[in-house]
PDB file of all heavy atoms in Angstrom:
ATOM      1  N   ARG A   1      15.071 159.670  97.850  1.00  0.00           N
ATOM      2  CA  ARG A   1      14.205 159.177  98.937  1.00  0.00           C
ATOM      3  C   ARG A   1      15.037 158.665 100.111  1.00  0.00           C
ATOM      4  O   ARG A   1      14.738 158.954 101.279  1.00  0.00           O
ATOM      5  CB  ARG A   1      13.309 158.064  98.409  1.00  0.00           C
ATOM      6  CG  ARG A   1      12.299 158.516  97.354  1.00  0.00           C
ATOM      7  CD  ARG A   1      11.264 157.443  97.109  1.00  0.00           C
ATOM      8  NE  ARG A   1      10.476 157.705  95.908  1.00  0.00           N
ATOM      9  CZ  ARG A   1      10.651 157.090  94.746  1.00  0.00           C
ATOM     10  NH1 ARG A   1      11.586 156.161  94.641  1.00  0.00           N
ATOM     11  NH2 ARG A   1       9.905 157.394  93.703  1.00  0.00           N
ATOM     12  N   LEU A   2      16.070 157.890  99.795  1.00  0.00           N
ATOM     13  CA  LEU A   2      16.890 157.330 100.868  1.00  0.00           C
ATOM     14  C   LEU A   2      17.727 158.405 101.557  1.00  0.00           C
ATOM     15  O   LEU A   2      18.056 158.279 102.735  1.00  0.00           O
ATOM     16  CB  LEU A   2      17.792 156.232 100.302  1.00  0.00           C
ATOM     17  CG  LEU A   2      17.043 154.986  99.812  1.00  0.00           C
ATOM     18  CD1 LEU A   2      18.003 153.987  99.176  1.00  0.00           C
ATOM     19  CD2 LEU A   2      16.302 154.324 100.977  1.00  0.00           C
ATOM     20  N   TRP A   3      18.065 159.472 100.817  1.00  0.00           N
ATOM     21  CA  TRP A   3      18.801 160.571 101.430  1.00  0.00           C
ATOM     22  C   TRP A   3      17.953 161.246 102.515  1.00  0.00           C
ATOM     23  O   TRP A   3      18.459 161.608 103.579  1.00  0.00           O
ATOM     24  CB  TRP A   3      19.198 161.581 100.365  1.00  0.00           C
ATOM     25  CG  TRP A   3      19.810 162.850 100.882  1.00  0.00           C
ATOM     26  CD1 TRP A   3      19.201 164.059 101.015  1.00  0.00           C
ATOM     27  CD2 TRP A   3      21.151 163.018 101.353  1.00  0.00           C
ATOM     28  NE1 TRP A   3      20.082 164.975 101.527  1.00  0.00           N
ATOM     29  CE2 TRP A   3      21.286 164.367 101.752  1.00  0.00           C
ATOM     30  CE3 TRP A   3      22.243 162.162 101.472  1.00  0.00           C
ATOM     31  CZ2 TRP A   3      22.470 164.878 102.253  1.00  0.00           C
ATOM     32  CZ3 TRP A   3      23.425 162.667 101.981  1.00  0.00           C
ATOM     33  CH2 TRP A   3      23.542 164.008 102.358  1.00  0.00           C
ATOM     34  N   ILE A   4      16.669 161.399 102.245  1.00  0.00           N
ATOM     35  CA  ILE A   4      15.770 161.997 103.234  1.00  0.00           C
ATOM     36  C   ILE A   4      15.634 161.083 104.453  1.00  0.00           C
ATOM     37  O   ILE A   4      15.608 161.550 105.596  1.00  0.00           O
ATOM     38  CB  ILE A   4      14.389 162.260 102.610  1.00  0.00           C
ATOM     39  CG1 ILE A   4      14.505 163.323 101.507  1.00  0.00           C
ATOM     40  CG2 ILE A   4      13.376 162.707 103.660  1.00  0.00           C
ATOM     41  CD1 ILE A   4      13.222 163.542 100.729  1.00  0.00           C
ATOM     42  N   MET A   5      15.596 159.774 104.205  1.00  0.00           N
ATOM     43  CA  MET A   5      15.381 158.818 105.291  1.00  0.00           C
ATOM     44  C   MET A   5      16.640 158.557 106.104  1.00  0.00           C
ATOM     45  O   MET A   5      16.595 158.481 107.335  1.00  0.00           O
ATOM     46  CB  MET A   5      14.862 157.496 104.716  1.00  0.00           C
ATOM     47  CG  MET A   5      13.493 157.584 104.083  1.00  0.00           C
ATOM     48  SD  MET A   5      13.085 156.079 103.168  1.00  0.00           S
ATOM     49  CE  MET A   5      13.347 154.829 104.407  1.00  0.00           C
ATOM     50  N   ALA A   6      17.790 158.381 105.416  1.00  0.00           N
ATOM     51  CA  ALA A   6      18.976 157.882 106.120  1.00  0.00           C
ATOM     52  C   ALA A   6      20.240 158.692 105.882  1.00  0.00           C
ATOM     53  O   ALA A   6      21.309 158.299 106.358  1.00  0.00           O
ATOM     54  CB  ALA A   6      19.231 156.426 105.710  1.00  0.00           C
ATOM     55  N   GLY A   7      20.161 159.786 105.180  1.00  0.00           N
ATOM     56  CA  GLY A   7      21.338 160.624 104.989  1.00  0.00           C
ATOM     57  C   GLY A   7      22.449 159.931 104.215  1.00  0.00           C
ATOM     58  O   GLY A   7      22.233 159.397 103.132  1.00  0.00           O
ATOM     59  N   TRP A   8      23.635 159.916 104.816  1.00  0.00           N
ATOM     60  CA  TRP A   8      24.829 159.436 104.118  1.00  0.00           C
ATOM     61  C   TRP A   8      24.966 157.919 104.075  1.00  0.00           C
ATOM     62  O   TRP A   8      25.970 157.403 103.558  1.00  0.00           O
ATOM     63  CB  TRP A   8      26.081 160.033 104.757  1.00  0.00           C
ATOM     64  CG  TRP A   8      26.298 161.456 104.371  1.00  0.00           C
ATOM     65  CD1 TRP A   8      25.955 162.565 105.082  1.00  0.00           C
ATOM     66  CD2 TRP A   8      26.889 161.933 103.164  1.00  0.00           C
ATOM     67  NE1 TRP A   8      26.296 163.706 104.396  1.00  0.00           N
ATOM     68  CE2 TRP A   8      26.879 163.344 103.213  1.00  0.00           C
ATOM     69  CE3 TRP A   8      27.426 161.284 102.042  1.00  0.00           C
ATOM     70  CZ2 TRP A   8      27.385 164.125 102.178  1.00  0.00           C
ATOM     71  CZ3 TRP A   8      27.931 162.073 101.017  1.00  0.00           C
ATOM     72  CH2 TRP A   8      27.907 163.474 101.094  1.00  0.00           C
ATOM     73  N   VAL A   9      24.003 157.184 104.585  1.00  0.00           N
ATOM     74  CA  VAL A   9      24.132 155.721 104.610  1.00  0.00           C
ATOM     75  C   VAL A   9      24.268 155.154 103.203  1.00  0.00           C
ATOM     76  O   VAL A   9      25.191 154.382 102.894  1.00  0.00           O
ATOM     77  CB  VAL A   9      22.932 155.074 105.338  1.00  0.00           C
ATOM     78  CG1 VAL A   9      22.993 153.551 105.205  1.00  0.00           C
ATOM     79  CG2 VAL A   9      22.922 155.474 106.805  1.00  0.00           C
ATOM     80  N   LEU A  10      23.347 155.530 102.292  1.00  0.00           N
ATOM     81  CA  LEU A  10      23.410 155.006 100.933  1.00  0.00           C
ATOM     82  C   LEU A  10      24.678 155.436 100.205  1.00  0.00           C
ATOM     83  O   LEU A  10      25.342 154.590  99.589  1.00  0.00           O
ATOM     84  CB  LEU A  10      22.171 155.430 100.144  1.00  0.00           C
ATOM     85  CG  LEU A  10      22.197 155.052  98.656  1.00  0.00           C
ATOM     86  CD1 LEU A  10      22.256 153.545  98.471  1.00  0.00           C
ATOM     87  CD2 LEU A  10      21.000 155.638  97.920  1.00  0.00           C
ATOM     88  N   PRO A  11      25.071 156.714 100.215  1.00  0.00           N
ATOM     89  CA  PRO A  11      26.310 157.084  99.533  1.00  0.00           C
ATOM     90  C   PRO A  11      27.533 156.329 100.035  1.00  0.00           C
ATOM     91  O   PRO A  11      28.395 155.948  99.244  1.00  0.00           O
ATOM     92  CB  PRO A  11      26.429 158.592  99.816  1.00  0.00           C
ATOM     93  CG  PRO A  11      25.030 159.037 100.015  1.00  0.00           C
ATOM     94  CD  PRO A  11      24.338 157.901 100.698  1.00  0.00           C
ATOM     95  N   VAL A  12      27.612 156.101 101.344  1.00  0.00           N
ATOM     96  CA  VAL A  12      28.762 155.376 101.894  1.00  0.00           C
ATOM     97  C   VAL A  12      28.747 153.925 101.421  1.00  0.00           C
ATOM     98  O   VAL A  12      29.775 153.378 100.985  1.00  0.00           O
ATOM     99  CB  VAL A  12      28.759 155.450 103.435  1.00  0.00           C
ATOM    100  CG1 VAL A  12      29.776 154.485 104.018  1.00  0.00           C
ATOM    101  CG2 VAL A  12      29.050 156.873 103.893  1.00  0.00           C
ATOM    102  N   VAL A  13      27.580 153.284 101.467  1.00  0.00           N
ATOM    103  CA  VAL A  13      27.474 151.891 101.021  1.00  0.00           C
ATOM    104  C   VAL A  13      27.762 151.785  99.523  1.00  0.00           C
ATOM    105  O   VAL A  13      28.505 150.894  99.074  1.00  0.00           O
ATOM    106  CB  VAL A  13      26.075 151.329 101.344  1.00  0.00           C
ATOM    107  CG1 VAL A  13      25.887 149.954 100.703  1.00  0.00           C
ATOM    108  CG2 VAL A  13      25.873 151.237 102.850  1.00  0.00           C
ATOM    109  N   ALA A  14      27.198 152.699  98.742  1.00  0.00           N
ATOM    110  CA  ALA A  14      27.407 152.666  97.299  1.00  0.00           C
ATOM    111  C   ALA A  14      28.873 152.880  96.949  1.00  0.00           C
ATOM    112  O   ALA A  14      29.415 152.212  96.048  1.00  0.00           O
ATOM    113  CB  ALA A  14      26.543 153.729  96.628  1.00  0.00           C
ATOM    114  N   THR A  15      29.531 153.791  97.650  1.00  0.00           N
ATOM    115  CA  THR A  15      30.953 154.030  97.400  1.00  0.00           C
ATOM    116  C   THR A  15      31.784 152.812  97.761  1.00  0.00           C
ATOM    117  O   THR A  15      32.742 152.457  97.058  1.00  0.00           O
ATOM    118  CB  THR A  15      31.436 155.256  98.190  1.00  0.00           C
ATOM    119  OG1 THR A  15      30.631 156.384  97.843  1.00  0.00           O
ATOM    120  CG2 THR A  15      32.893 155.561  97.888  1.00  0.00           C
ATOM    121  N   ALA A  16      31.412 152.137  98.852  1.00  0.00           N
ATOM    122  CA  ALA A  16      32.115 150.906  99.229  1.00  0.00           C
ATOM    123  C   ALA A  16      31.958 149.848  98.152  1.00  0.00           C
ATOM    124  O   ALA A  16      32.913 149.119  97.832  1.00  0.00           O
ATOM    125  CB  ALA A  16      31.587 150.397 100.575  1.00  0.00           C
ATOM    126  N   VAL A  17      30.769 149.757  97.559  1.00  0.00           N
ATOM    127  CA  VAL A  17      30.539 148.793  96.478  1.00  0.00           C
ATOM    128  C   VAL A  17      31.386 149.134  95.259  1.00  0.00           C
ATOM    129  O   VAL A  17      32.049 148.264  94.671  1.00  0.00           O
ATOM    130  CB  VAL A  17      29.040 148.753  96.103  1.00  0.00           C
ATOM    131  CG1 VAL A  17      28.828 147.918  94.834  1.00  0.00           C
ATOM    132  CG2 VAL A  17      28.218 148.185  97.250  1.00  0.00           C
ATOM    133  N   VAL A  18      31.395 150.407  94.872  1.00  0.00           N
ATOM    134  CA  VAL A  18      32.167 150.828  93.699  1.00  0.00           C
ATOM    135  C   VAL A  18      33.663 150.605  93.925  1.00  0.00           C
ATOM    136  O   VAL A  18      34.375 150.114  93.044  1.00  0.00           O
ATOM    137  CB  VAL A  18      31.868 152.306  93.363  1.00  0.00           C
ATOM    138  CG1 VAL A  18      32.806 152.808  92.271  1.00  0.00           C
ATOM    139  CG2 VAL A  18      30.419 152.459  92.919  1.00  0.00           C
ATOM    140  N   LEU A  19      34.156 150.955  95.115  1.00  0.00           N
ATOM    141  CA  LEU A  19      35.563 150.727  95.429  1.00  0.00           C
ATOM    142  C   LEU A  19      35.887 149.242  95.471  1.00  0.00           C
ATOM    143  O   LEU A  19      36.961 148.806  95.044  1.00  0.00           O
ATOM    144  CB  LEU A  19      35.923 151.378  96.771  1.00  0.00           C
ATOM    145  CG  LEU A  19      35.959 152.911  96.780  1.00  0.00           C
ATOM    146  CD1 LEU A  19      36.232 153.431  98.190  1.00  0.00           C
ATOM    147  CD2 LEU A  19      37.015 153.429  95.814  1.00  0.00           C
ATOM    148  N   GLY A  20      34.941 148.444  95.986  1.00  0.00           N
ATOM    149  CA  GLY A  20      35.139 146.997  95.996  1.00  0.00           C
ATOM    150  C   GLY A  20      35.229 146.426  94.597  1.00  0.00           C
ATOM    151  O   GLY A  20      36.063 145.549  94.315  1.00  0.00           O
ATOM    152  N   VAL A  21      34.388 146.909  93.703  1.00  0.00           N
ATOM    153  CA  VAL A  21      34.433 146.469  92.303  1.00  0.00           C
ATOM    154  C   VAL A  21      35.755 146.868  91.665  1.00  0.00           C
ATOM    155  O   VAL A  21      36.374 146.095  90.924  1.00  0.00           O
ATOM    156  CB  VAL A  21      33.242 147.067  91.528  1.00  0.00           C
ATOM    157  CG1 VAL A  21      33.415 146.872  90.034  1.00  0.00           C
ATOM    158  CG2 VAL A  21      31.943 146.433  91.999  1.00  0.00           C
ATOM    159  N   PHE A  22      36.210 148.082  91.950  1.00  0.00           N
ATOM    160  CA  PHE A  22      37.483 148.551  91.405  1.00  0.00           C
ATOM    161  C   PHE A  22      38.637 147.683  91.913  1.00  0.00           C
ATOM    162  O   PHE A  22      39.529 147.294  91.141  1.00  0.00           O
ATOM    163  CB  PHE A  22      37.689 150.007  91.811  1.00  0.00           C
ATOM    164  CG  PHE A  22      38.872 150.667  91.153  1.00  0.00           C
ATOM    165  CD1 PHE A  22      38.754 151.241  89.896  1.00  0.00           C
ATOM    166  CD2 PHE A  22      40.102 150.722  91.795  1.00  0.00           C
ATOM    167  CE1 PHE A  22      39.832 151.847  89.282  1.00  0.00           C
ATOM    168  CE2 PHE A  22      41.187 151.329  91.192  1.00  0.00           C
ATOM    169  CZ  PHE A  22      41.056 151.900  89.936  1.00  0.00           C
ATOM    170  N   ALA A  23      38.633 147.381  93.204  1.00  0.00           N
ATOM    171  CA  ALA A  23      39.687 146.537  93.785  1.00  0.00           C
ATOM    172  C   ALA A  23      39.630 145.124  93.218  1.00  0.00           C
ATOM    173  O   ALA A  23      40.671 144.498  92.957  1.00  0.00           O
ATOM    174  CB  ALA A  23      39.547 146.514  95.311  1.00  0.00           C
ATOM    175  N   TYR A  24      38.414 144.618  93.025  1.00  0.00           N
ATOM    176  CA  TYR A  24      38.252 143.286  92.440  1.00  0.00           C
ATOM    177  C   TYR A  24      38.835 143.239  91.025  1.00  0.00           C
ATOM    178  O   TYR A  24      39.529 142.282  90.648  1.00  0.00           O
ATOM    179  CB  TYR A  24      36.770 142.933  92.413  1.00  0.00           C
ATOM    180  CG  TYR A  24      36.420 141.736  91.561  1.00  0.00           C
ATOM    181  CD1 TYR A  24      36.684 140.443  91.992  1.00  0.00           C
ATOM    182  CD2 TYR A  24      35.804 141.910  90.323  1.00  0.00           C
ATOM    183  CE1 TYR A  24      36.363 139.350  91.204  1.00  0.00           C
ATOM    184  CE2 TYR A  24      35.467 140.828  89.529  1.00  0.00           C
ATOM    185  CZ  TYR A  24      35.757 139.556  89.970  1.00  0.00           C
ATOM    186  OH  TYR A  24      35.445 138.478  89.188  1.00  0.00           O
ATOM    187  N   ALA A  25      38.570 144.288  90.236  1.00  0.00           N
ATOM    188  CA  ALA A  25      39.112 144.338  88.880  1.00  0.00           C
ATOM    189  C   ALA A  25      40.631 144.421  88.900  1.00  0.00           C
ATOM    190  O   ALA A  25      41.313 143.794  88.082  1.00  0.00           O
ATOM    191  CB  ALA A  25      38.524 145.535  88.130  1.00  0.00           C
ATOM    192  N   ALA A  26      41.174 145.184  89.845  1.00  0.00           N
ATOM    193  CA  ALA A  26      42.632 145.306  89.938  1.00  0.00           C
ATOM    194  C   ALA A  26      43.287 143.995  90.349  1.00  0.00           C
ATOM    195  O   ALA A  26      44.422 143.698  89.941  1.00  0.00           O
ATOM    196  CB  ALA A  26      42.984 146.409  90.936  1.00  0.00           C
ATOM    197  N   ALA A  27      42.579 143.180  91.134  1.00  0.00           N
ATOM    198  CA  ALA A  27      43.149 141.923  91.612  1.00  0.00           C
ATOM    199  C   ALA A  27      43.010 140.776  90.623  1.00  0.00           C
ATOM    200  O   ALA A  27      43.718 139.767  90.741  1.00  0.00           O
ATOM    201  CB  ALA A  27      42.501 141.533  92.943  1.00  0.00           C
ATOM    202  N   ARG A  28      42.118 140.900  89.647  1.00  0.00           N
ATOM    203  CA  ARG A  28      41.894 139.817  88.674  1.00  0.00           C
ATOM    204  C   ARG A  28      42.916 139.879  87.539  1.00  0.00           C
ATOM    205  O   ARG A  28      42.787 140.643  86.590  1.00  0.00           O
ATOM    206  CB  ARG A  28      40.477 139.905  88.093  1.00  0.00           C
ATOM    207  CG  ARG A  28      39.453 139.131  88.880  1.00  0.00           C
ATOM    208  CD  ARG A  28      38.176 138.996  88.101  1.00  0.00           C
ATOM    209  NE  ARG A  28      38.340 138.202  86.878  1.00  0.00           N
ATOM    210  CZ  ARG A  28      37.368 137.950  86.013  1.00  0.00           C
ATOM    211  NH1 ARG A  28      36.168 138.449  86.230  1.00  0.00           N
ATOM    212  NH2 ARG A  28      37.600 137.225  84.944  1.00  0.00           N
ATOM    213  N   ARG A  29      43.957 139.064  87.641  1.00  0.00           N
ATOM    214  CA  ARG A  29      45.003 139.072  86.630  1.00  0.00           C
ATOM    215  C   ARG A  29      44.561 138.395  85.335  1.00  0.00           C
ATOM    216  O   ARG A  29      45.173 138.592  84.288  1.00  0.00           O
ATOM    217  CB  ARG A  29      46.263 138.397  87.178  1.00  0.00           C
ATOM    218  CG  ARG A  29      46.824 139.114  88.403  1.00  0.00           C
ATOM    219  CD  ARG A  29      48.159 138.538  88.822  1.00  0.00           C
ATOM    220  NE  ARG A  29      48.707 139.249  89.965  1.00  0.00           N
ATOM    221  CZ  ARG A  29      49.409 140.376  89.875  1.00  0.00           C
ATOM    222  NH1 ARG A  29      49.626 140.911  88.695  1.00  0.00           N
ATOM    223  NH2 ARG A  29      49.876 140.969  90.967  1.00  0.00           N
ATOM    224  N   ASP A  30      43.489 137.593  85.412  1.00  0.00           N
ATOM    225  CA  ASP A  30      43.004 136.923  84.202  1.00  0.00           C
ATOM    226  C   ASP A  30      42.043 137.803  83.402  1.00  0.00           C
ATOM    227  O   ASP A  30      41.591 137.401  82.328  1.00  0.00           O
ATOM    228  CB  ASP A  30      42.279 135.628  84.585  1.00  0.00           C
ATOM    229  CG  ASP A  30      41.011 135.898  85.403  1.00  0.00           C
ATOM    230  OD1 ASP A  30      41.126 136.585  86.440  1.00  0.00           O
ATOM    231  OD2 ASP A  30      39.936 135.434  85.000  1.00  0.00           O
ATOM    232  N   LEU A  31      41.740 138.991  83.904  1.00  0.00           N
ATOM    233  CA  LEU A  31      40.768 139.864  83.266  1.00  0.00           C
ATOM    234  C   LEU A  31      41.431 140.617  82.111  1.00  0.00           C
ATOM    235  O   LEU A  31      42.274 141.488  82.311  1.00  0.00           O
ATOM    236  CB  LEU A  31      40.209 140.859  84.290  1.00  0.00           C
ATOM    237  CG  LEU A  31      39.053 141.747  83.847  1.00  0.00           C
ATOM    238  CD1 LEU A  31      37.814 140.927  83.519  1.00  0.00           C
ATOM    239  CD2 LEU A  31      38.733 142.776  84.925  1.00  0.00           C
TER     240      LEU A  31
END
């Protein structure tokens, strides 16, 4: 639905979230 409405907006935001989570995990030395 969002692809029809806004195109690449959701994929870009979702990828930023996933990359942010990955970077957060890499930075957490106590994990």
